[in-house]
PDB file of N, CA and C in Angstrom:
ATOM      1  N   MET A   1     -65.491  87.650  10.356  1.00  0.00           N
ATOM      2  CA  MET A   1     -64.221  86.217  10.584  1.00  0.00           C
ATOM      3  C   MET A   1     -64.071  85.741   9.599  1.00  0.00           C
ATOM      4  N   ILE A   2     -63.295  85.287   9.239  1.00  0.00           N
ATOM      5  CA  ILE A   2     -62.202  85.218   7.882  1.00  0.00           C
ATOM      6  C   ILE A   2     -62.029  83.602   8.131  1.00  0.00           C
ATOM      7  N   ARG A   3     -63.351  82.988   6.658  1.00  0.00           N
ATOM      8  CA  ARG A   3     -63.043  81.749   6.299  1.00  0.00           C
ATOM      9  C   ARG A   3     -62.001  80.937   6.052  1.00  0.00           C
ATOM     10  N   LEU A   4     -61.318  80.086   6.718  1.00  0.00           N
ATOM     11  CA  LEU A   4     -60.033  79.300   6.131  1.00  0.00           C
ATOM     12  C   LEU A   4     -60.031  78.400   4.945  1.00  0.00           C
ATOM     13  N   PRO A   5     -59.099  77.902   4.130  1.00  0.00           N
ATOM     14  CA  PRO A   5     -59.177  77.409   2.744  1.00  0.00           C
ATOM     15  C   PRO A   5     -60.231  76.047   3.011  1.00  0.00           C
ATOM     16  N   LEU A   6     -60.087  75.204   2.314  1.00  0.00           N
ATOM     17  CA  LEU A   6     -60.508  74.079   2.871  1.00  0.00           C
ATOM     18  C   LEU A   6     -59.375  73.513   3.151  1.00  0.00           C
ATOM     19  N   PHE A   7     -58.188  73.297   2.868  1.00  0.00           N
ATOM     20  CA  PHE A   7     -56.815  71.722   3.553  1.00  0.00           C
ATOM     21  C   PHE A   7     -56.830  72.859   4.863  1.00  0.00           C
ATOM     22  N   SER A   8     -56.629  73.452   4.694  1.00  0.00           N
ATOM     23  CA  SER A   8     -57.151  74.014   6.498  1.00  0.00           C
ATOM     24  C   SER A   8     -58.162  73.472   7.561  1.00  0.00           C
ATOM     25  N   ARG A   9     -58.903  73.705   7.050  1.00  0.00           N
ATOM     26  CA  ARG A   9     -59.998  73.373   7.903  1.00  0.00           C
ATOM     27  C   ARG A   9     -60.164  71.606   7.985  1.00  0.00           C
ATOM     28  N   ILE A  10     -60.118  71.093   6.821  1.00  0.00           N
ATOM     29  CA  ILE A  10     -59.506  69.419   6.859  1.00  0.00           C
ATOM     30  C   ILE A  10     -58.396  69.085   7.572  1.00  0.00           C
ATOM     31  N   LEU A  11     -57.548  69.992   8.093  1.00  0.00           N
ATOM     32  CA  LEU A  11     -56.548  69.825   8.682  1.00  0.00           C
ATOM     33  C   LEU A  11     -56.819  69.763  10.379  1.00  0.00           C
ATOM     34  N   PHE A  12     -57.473  70.779  10.886  1.00  0.00           N
ATOM     35  CA  PHE A  12     -57.626  71.262  12.330  1.00  0.00           C
ATOM     36  C   PHE A  12     -58.693  70.380  12.466  1.00  0.00           C
ATOM     37  N   ALA A  13     -59.469  69.607  11.938  1.00  0.00           N
ATOM     38  CA  ALA A  13     -60.329  68.709  11.963  1.00  0.00           C
ATOM     39  C   ALA A  13     -60.061  67.185  12.511  1.00  0.00           C
ATOM     40  N   VAL A  14     -58.615  66.785  12.433  1.00  0.00           N
ATOM     41  CA  VAL A  14     -58.149  65.706  12.295  1.00  0.00           C
ATOM     42  C   VAL A  14     -58.127  66.015  14.284  1.00  0.00           C
ATOM     43  N   PRO A  15     -58.897  65.164  14.641  1.00  0.00           N
ATOM     44  CA  PRO A  15     -58.493  65.422  16.277  1.00  0.00           C
ATOM     45  C   PRO A  15     -57.665  65.236  16.972  1.00  0.00           C
ATOM     46  N   VAL A  16     -56.275  65.185  16.511  1.00  0.00           N
ATOM     47  CA  VAL A  16     -55.647  65.041  17.647  1.00  0.00           C
ATOM     48  C   VAL A  16     -54.390  65.909  17.403  1.00  0.00           C
ATOM     49  N   ILE A  17     -53.965  65.776  16.580  1.00  0.00           N
ATOM     50  CA  ILE A  17     -52.980  66.620  14.991  1.00  0.00           C
ATOM     51  C   ILE A  17     -53.588  67.963  14.873  1.00  0.00           C
ATOM     52  N   GLY A  18     -54.601  68.325  14.855  1.00  0.00           N
ATOM     53  CA  GLY A  18     -55.593  69.255  14.239  1.00  0.00           C
ATOM     54  C   GLY A  18     -55.354  70.235  15.413  1.00  0.00           C
ATOM     55  N   TRP A  19     -55.384  69.793  16.270  1.00  0.00           N
ATOM     56  CA  TRP A  19     -55.605  70.271  17.685  1.00  0.00           C
ATOM     57  C   TRP A  19     -54.527  71.158  18.246  1.00  0.00           C
ATOM     58  N   MET A  20     -53.426  70.097  18.287  1.00  0.00           N
ATOM     59  CA  MET A  20     -52.493  70.828  17.850  1.00  0.00           C
ATOM     60  C   MET A  20     -51.387  71.246  17.485  1.00  0.00           C
ATOM     61  N   LEU A  21     -51.634  71.856  15.893  1.00  0.00           N
ATOM     62  CA  LEU A  21     -51.873  72.513  15.266  1.00  0.00           C
ATOM     63  C   LEU A  21     -52.585  73.530  15.229  1.00  0.00           C
ATOM     64  N   LYS A  22     -53.698  73.464  15.576  1.00  0.00           N
ATOM     65  CA  LYS A  22     -54.360  74.800  15.677  1.00  0.00           C
ATOM     66  C   LYS A  22     -53.770  75.814  17.141  1.00  0.00           C
ATOM     67  N   ASP A  23     -53.077  75.148  17.638  1.00  0.00           N
ATOM     68  CA  ASP A  23     -52.755  75.945  19.251  1.00  0.00           C
ATOM     69  C   ASP A  23     -51.258  76.265  18.473  1.00  0.00           C
ATOM     70  N   VAL A  24     -50.358  75.562  17.876  1.00  0.00           N
ATOM     71  CA  VAL A  24     -49.839  76.101  17.071  1.00  0.00           C
ATOM     72  C   VAL A  24     -49.153  77.732  16.601  1.00  0.00           C
ATOM     73  N   ILE A  25     -50.398  77.438  15.835  1.00  0.00           N
ATOM     74  CA  ILE A  25     -50.560  78.520  14.852  1.00  0.00           C
ATOM     75  C   ILE A  25     -51.057  79.765  15.174  1.00  0.00           C
ATOM     76  N   TYR A  26     -52.515  79.630  16.224  1.00  0.00           N
ATOM     77  CA  TYR A  26     -53.123  80.466  16.717  1.00  0.00           C
ATOM     78  C   TYR A  26     -52.487  80.698  18.205  1.00  0.00           C
ATOM     79  N   GLY A  27     -51.856  79.839  19.038  1.00  0.00           N
ATOM     80  CA  GLY A  27     -51.693  80.133  20.014  1.00  0.00           C
ATOM     81  C   GLY A  27     -50.403  80.888  20.705  1.00  0.00           C
ATOM     82  N   ARG A  28     -50.018  80.371  21.568  1.00  0.00           N
ATOM     83  CA  ARG A  28     -48.484  81.747  22.409  1.00  0.00           C
ATOM     84  C   ARG A  28     -47.365  80.552  21.635  1.00  0.00           C
ATOM     85  N   PRO A  29     -46.644  81.604  21.663  1.00  0.00           N
ATOM     86  CA  PRO A  29     -45.024  81.034  20.919  1.00  0.00           C
ATOM     87  C   PRO A  29     -44.458  79.805  21.955  1.00  0.00           C
ATOM     88  N   GLU A  30     -44.675  79.478  22.566  1.00  0.00           N
ATOM     89  CA  GLU A  30     -43.785  78.144  23.551  1.00  0.00           C
ATOM     90  C   GLU A  30     -44.957  76.945  23.003  1.00  0.00           C
ATOM     91  N   ASN A  31     -45.524  77.367  21.721  1.00  0.00           N
ATOM     92  CA  ASN A  31     -46.446  75.910  21.641  1.00  0.00           C
ATOM     93  C   ASN A  31     -45.829  74.907  20.812  1.00  0.00           C
ATOM     94  N   LYS A  32     -44.547  75.871  20.557  1.00  0.00           N
ATOM     95  CA  LYS A  32     -43.920  75.405  18.984  1.00  0.00           C
ATOM     96  C   LYS A  32     -43.373  74.009  19.576  1.00  0.00           C
ATOM     97  N   TRP A  33     -42.890  74.614  20.768  1.00  0.00           N
ATOM     98  CA  TRP A  33     -41.602  73.789  21.077  1.00  0.00           C
ATOM     99  C   TRP A  33     -42.661  72.471  21.701  1.00  0.00           C
ATOM    100  N   TYR A  34     -43.660  72.373  22.564  1.00  0.00           N
ATOM    101  CA  TYR A  34     -44.695  71.762  23.182  1.00  0.00           C
ATOM    102  C   TYR A  34     -44.964  70.704  22.116  1.00  0.00           C
ATOM    103  N   PHE A  35     -45.246  70.912  21.006  1.00  0.00           N
ATOM    104  CA  PHE A  35     -45.241  70.263  19.712  1.00  0.00           C
ATOM    105  C   PHE A  35     -44.183  69.241  19.214  1.00  0.00           C
ATOM    106  N   LEU A  36     -43.054  69.795  19.711  1.00  0.00           N
ATOM    107  CA  LEU A  36     -41.964  69.382  19.160  1.00  0.00           C
ATOM    108  C   LEU A  36     -41.567  68.206  19.752  1.00  0.00           C
ATOM    109  N   GLY A  37     -41.793  68.325  20.799  1.00  0.00           N
ATOM    110  CA  GLY A  37     -41.969  67.374  22.334  1.00  0.00           C
ATOM    111  C   GLY A  37     -42.227  66.017  21.990  1.00  0.00           C
ATOM    112  N   ALA A  38     -43.832  66.836  21.652  1.00  0.00           N
ATOM    113  CA  ALA A  38     -44.943  65.793  21.907  1.00  0.00           C
ATOM    114  C   ALA A  38     -44.448  64.419  20.369  1.00  0.00           C
ATOM    115  N   LEU A  39     -44.154  65.632  19.391  1.00  0.00           N
ATOM    116  CA  LEU A  39     -43.804  64.741  18.244  1.00  0.00           C
ATOM    117  C   LEU A  39     -42.459  63.661  18.341  1.00  0.00           C
ATOM    118  N   VAL A  40     -41.616  64.119  19.324  1.00  0.00           N
ATOM    119  CA  VAL A  40     -40.460  63.658  19.180  1.00  0.00           C
ATOM    120  C   VAL A  40     -40.271  62.283  20.234  1.00  0.00           C
ATOM    121  N   SER A  41     -41.575  62.377  21.250  1.00  0.00           N
ATOM    122  CA  SER A  41     -41.950  61.809  22.028  1.00  0.00           C
ATOM    123  C   SER A  41     -42.975  60.577  21.462  1.00  0.00           C
ATOM    124  N   CYS A  42     -43.601  60.290  20.613  1.00  0.00           N
ATOM    125  CA  CYS A  42     -44.607  59.928  20.102  1.00  0.00           C
ATOM    126  C   CYS A  42     -43.038  58.998  19.066  1.00  0.00           C
ATOM    127  N   TRP A  43     -42.100  59.845  18.415  1.00  0.00           N
ATOM    128  CA  TRP A  43     -41.337  58.796  17.529  1.00  0.00           C
ATOM    129  C   TRP A  43     -40.761  57.931  18.355  1.00  0.00           C
ATOM    130  N   ILE A  44     -40.059  58.391  19.383  1.00  0.00           N
ATOM    131  CA  ILE A  44     -39.412  57.637  20.364  1.00  0.00           C
ATOM    132  C   ILE A  44     -40.610  56.144  21.332  1.00  0.00           C
ATOM    133  N   MET A  45     -41.518  56.698  21.178  1.00  0.00           N
ATOM    134  CA  MET A  45     -42.479  55.373  21.170  1.00  0.00           C
ATOM    135  C   MET A  45     -42.763  54.688  20.666  1.00  0.00           C
ATOM    136  N   ALA A  46     -42.780  54.879  19.072  1.00  0.00           N
ATOM    137  CA  ALA A  46     -42.724  54.306  18.142  1.00  0.00           C
ATOM    138  C   ALA A  46     -41.724  53.008  17.898  1.00  0.00           C
ATOM    139  N   ILE A  47     -40.232  53.636  18.295  1.00  0.00           N
ATOM    140  CA  ILE A  47     -39.196  53.178  18.228  1.00  0.00           C
ATOM    141  C   ILE A  47     -39.029  52.343  19.095  1.00  0.00           C
ATOM    142  N   MET A  48     -39.732  52.371  20.613  1.00  0.00           N
ATOM    143  CA  MET A  48     -40.177  51.076  21.356  1.00  0.00           C
ATOM    144  C   MET A  48     -40.573  49.972  20.939  1.00  0.00           C
ATOM    145  N   ALA A  49     -41.893  50.187  19.979  1.00  0.00           N
ATOM    146  CA  ALA A  49     -42.679  49.451  20.274  1.00  0.00           C
ATOM    147  C   ALA A  49     -42.454  48.545  18.997  1.00  0.00           C
ATOM    148  N   PHE A  50     -41.928  49.490  17.475  1.00  0.00           N
ATOM    149  CA  PHE A  50     -41.994  48.859  16.643  1.00  0.00           C
ATOM    150  C   PHE A  50     -40.296  48.136  16.407  1.00  0.00           C
ATOM    151  N   GLY A  51     -39.212  49.069  17.345  1.00  0.00           N
ATOM    152  CA  GLY A  51     -37.534  48.936  16.376  1.00  0.00           C
ATOM    153  C   GLY A  51     -37.438  49.496  15.544  1.00  0.00           C
ATOM    154  N   TYR A  52     -36.224  49.259  14.671  1.00  0.00           N
ATOM    155  CA  TYR A  52     -35.631  49.158  13.930  1.00  0.00           C
ATOM    156  C   TYR A  52     -36.678  49.726  12.731  1.00  0.00           C
ATOM    157  N   PRO A  53     -37.580  49.708  12.189  1.00  0.00           N
ATOM    158  CA  PRO A  53     -38.488  49.927  11.175  1.00  0.00           C
ATOM    159  C   PRO A  53     -39.090  51.813  11.678  1.00  0.00           C
ATOM    160  N   ALA A  54     -38.973  51.890  12.372  1.00  0.00           N
ATOM    161  CA  ALA A  54     -40.112  53.017  13.263  1.00  0.00           C
ATOM    162  C   ALA A  54     -38.239  54.002  12.647  1.00  0.00           C
ATOM    163  N   VAL A  55     -37.285  53.294  12.538  1.00  0.00           N
ATOM    164  CA  VAL A  55     -36.227  54.670  12.455  1.00  0.00           C
ATOM    165  C   VAL A  55     -36.125  54.603  11.248  1.00  0.00           C
ATOM    166  N   ILE A  56     -36.009  53.739  10.558  1.00  0.00           N
ATOM    167  CA  ILE A  56     -35.694  53.784   9.141  1.00  0.00           C
ATOM    168  C   ILE A  56     -36.988  54.221   8.418  1.00  0.00           C
ATOM    169  N   ILE A  57     -38.262  54.061   8.642  1.00  0.00           N
ATOM    170  CA  ILE A  57     -39.376  54.460   7.574  1.00  0.00           C
ATOM    171  C   ILE A  57     -39.590  56.313   7.467  1.00  0.00           C
ATOM    172  N   PRO A  58     -39.156  57.082   8.241  1.00  0.00           N
ATOM    173  CA  PRO A  58     -38.861  58.105   8.651  1.00  0.00           C
ATOM    174  C   PRO A  58     -37.986  58.843   7.763  1.00  0.00           C
ATOM    175  N   VAL A  59     -36.543  58.589   7.489  1.00  0.00           N
ATOM    176  CA  VAL A  59     -35.526  58.246   6.751  1.00  0.00           C
ATOM    177  C   VAL A  59     -35.723  57.826   5.520  1.00  0.00           C
ATOM    178  N   ILE A  60     -36.536  57.033   4.742  1.00  0.00           N
ATOM    179  CA  ILE A  60     -36.723  57.113   3.885  1.00  0.00           C
ATOM    180  C   ILE A  60     -37.125  57.813   2.952  1.00  0.00           C
ATOM    181  N   CYS A  61     -38.429  58.249   4.144  1.00  0.00           N
ATOM    182  CA  CYS A  61     -39.602  59.329   3.474  1.00  0.00           C
ATOM    183  C   CYS A  61     -38.521  60.708   3.493  1.00  0.00           C
ATOM    184  N   ALA A  62     -37.569  61.139   4.020  1.00  0.00           N
ATOM    185  CA  ALA A  62     -36.773  62.078   3.617  1.00  0.00           C
ATOM    186  C   ALA A  62     -35.847  62.094   2.728  1.00  0.00           C
ATOM    187  N   VAL A  63     -35.832  60.851   1.570  1.00  0.00           N
ATOM    188  CA  VAL A  63     -35.248  60.781   0.228  1.00  0.00           C
ATOM    189  C   VAL A  63     -35.374  62.163  -0.225  1.00  0.00           C
ATOM    190  N   PRO A  64     -36.561  62.151  -0.701  1.00  0.00           N
ATOM    191  CA  PRO A  64     -37.378  62.737  -1.778  1.00  0.00           C
ATOM    192  C   PRO A  64     -36.553  64.663  -1.489  1.00  0.00           C
ATOM    193  N   LEU A  65     -36.972  64.874  -0.174  1.00  0.00           N
ATOM    194  CA  LEU A  65     -36.615  66.039   0.250  1.00  0.00           C
ATOM    195  C   LEU A  65     -35.237  66.513   0.070  1.00  0.00           C
ATOM    196  N   ALA A  66     -34.566  65.240   0.197  1.00  0.00           N
ATOM    197  CA  ALA A  66     -32.629  65.470   0.333  1.00  0.00           C
ATOM    198  C   ALA A  66     -32.650  66.147  -0.942  1.00  0.00           C
ATOM    199  N   PHE A  67     -32.917  64.804  -1.770  1.00  0.00           N
ATOM    200  CA  PHE A  67     -32.787  64.780  -3.327  1.00  0.00           C
ATOM    201  C   PHE A  67     -33.325  66.861  -4.247  1.00  0.00           C
ATOM    202  N   PHE A  68     -34.185  67.089  -3.031  1.00  0.00           N
ATOM    203  CA  PHE A  68     -34.614  68.371  -4.181  1.00  0.00           C
ATOM    204  C   PHE A  68     -33.673  69.606  -3.466  1.00  0.00           C
ATOM    205  N   VAL A  69     -33.450  69.053  -2.247  1.00  0.00           N
ATOM    206  CA  VAL A  69     -32.297  70.466  -1.507  1.00  0.00           C
ATOM    207  C   VAL A  69     -31.496  70.689  -2.687  1.00  0.00           C
ATOM    208  N   LEU A  70     -30.361  69.472  -2.654  1.00  0.00           N
ATOM    209  CA  LEU A  70     -29.662  68.992  -3.638  1.00  0.00           C
ATOM    210  C   LEU A  70     -29.722  69.607  -4.694  1.00  0.00           C
ATOM    211  N   LEU A  71     -30.869  69.159  -5.561  1.00  0.00           N
ATOM    212  CA  LEU A  71     -31.398  69.723  -6.979  1.00  0.00           C
ATOM    213  C   LEU A  71     -31.186  71.412  -6.738  1.00  0.00           C
ATOM    214  N   MET A  72     -31.764  72.074  -5.819  1.00  0.00           N
ATOM    215  CA  MET A  72     -31.984  73.482  -5.541  1.00  0.00           C
ATOM    216  C   MET A  72     -30.270  74.327  -5.171  1.00  0.00           C
ATOM    217  N   ILE A  73     -29.654  73.349  -4.583  1.00  0.00           N
ATOM    218  CA  ILE A  73     -27.986  73.543  -4.194  1.00  0.00           C
ATOM    219  C   ILE A  73     -27.486  73.856  -5.529  1.00  0.00           C
ATOM    220  N   THR A  74     -27.340  72.514  -6.350  1.00  0.00           N
ATOM    221  CA  THR A  74     -26.339  72.637  -8.110  1.00  0.00           C
ATOM    222  C   THR A  74     -27.106  73.792  -8.639  1.00  0.00           C
ATOM    223  N   ARG A  75     -28.723  74.148  -8.507  1.00  0.00           N
ATOM    224  CA  ARG A  75     -29.262  74.744  -9.277  1.00  0.00           C
ATOM    225  C   ARG A  75     -28.597  76.468  -9.158  1.00  0.00           C
ATOM    226  N   GLY A  76     -27.934  76.647  -7.957  1.00  0.00           N
ATOM    227  CA  GLY A  76     -27.714  78.097  -8.008  1.00  0.00           C
ATOM    228  C   GLY A  76     -28.307  78.944  -7.394  1.00  0.00           C
TER     229      GLY A  76
END
């Protein structure tokens, strides 16, 4: 049996998210869509519970990724 890296073992040990990620990586191909649907459902429930901050906080967290993509585009 192949031993997973420490980061993977820690990530898979997280109760709900880890189980879902393990199922996405090692399970059937359609599990990716179920995982995506679960994430979208959780985001919608967060919007219903917390309102506007649940929309804005993920967008603000994505700003460094957008800057990185723009930097890679301009580098050529």
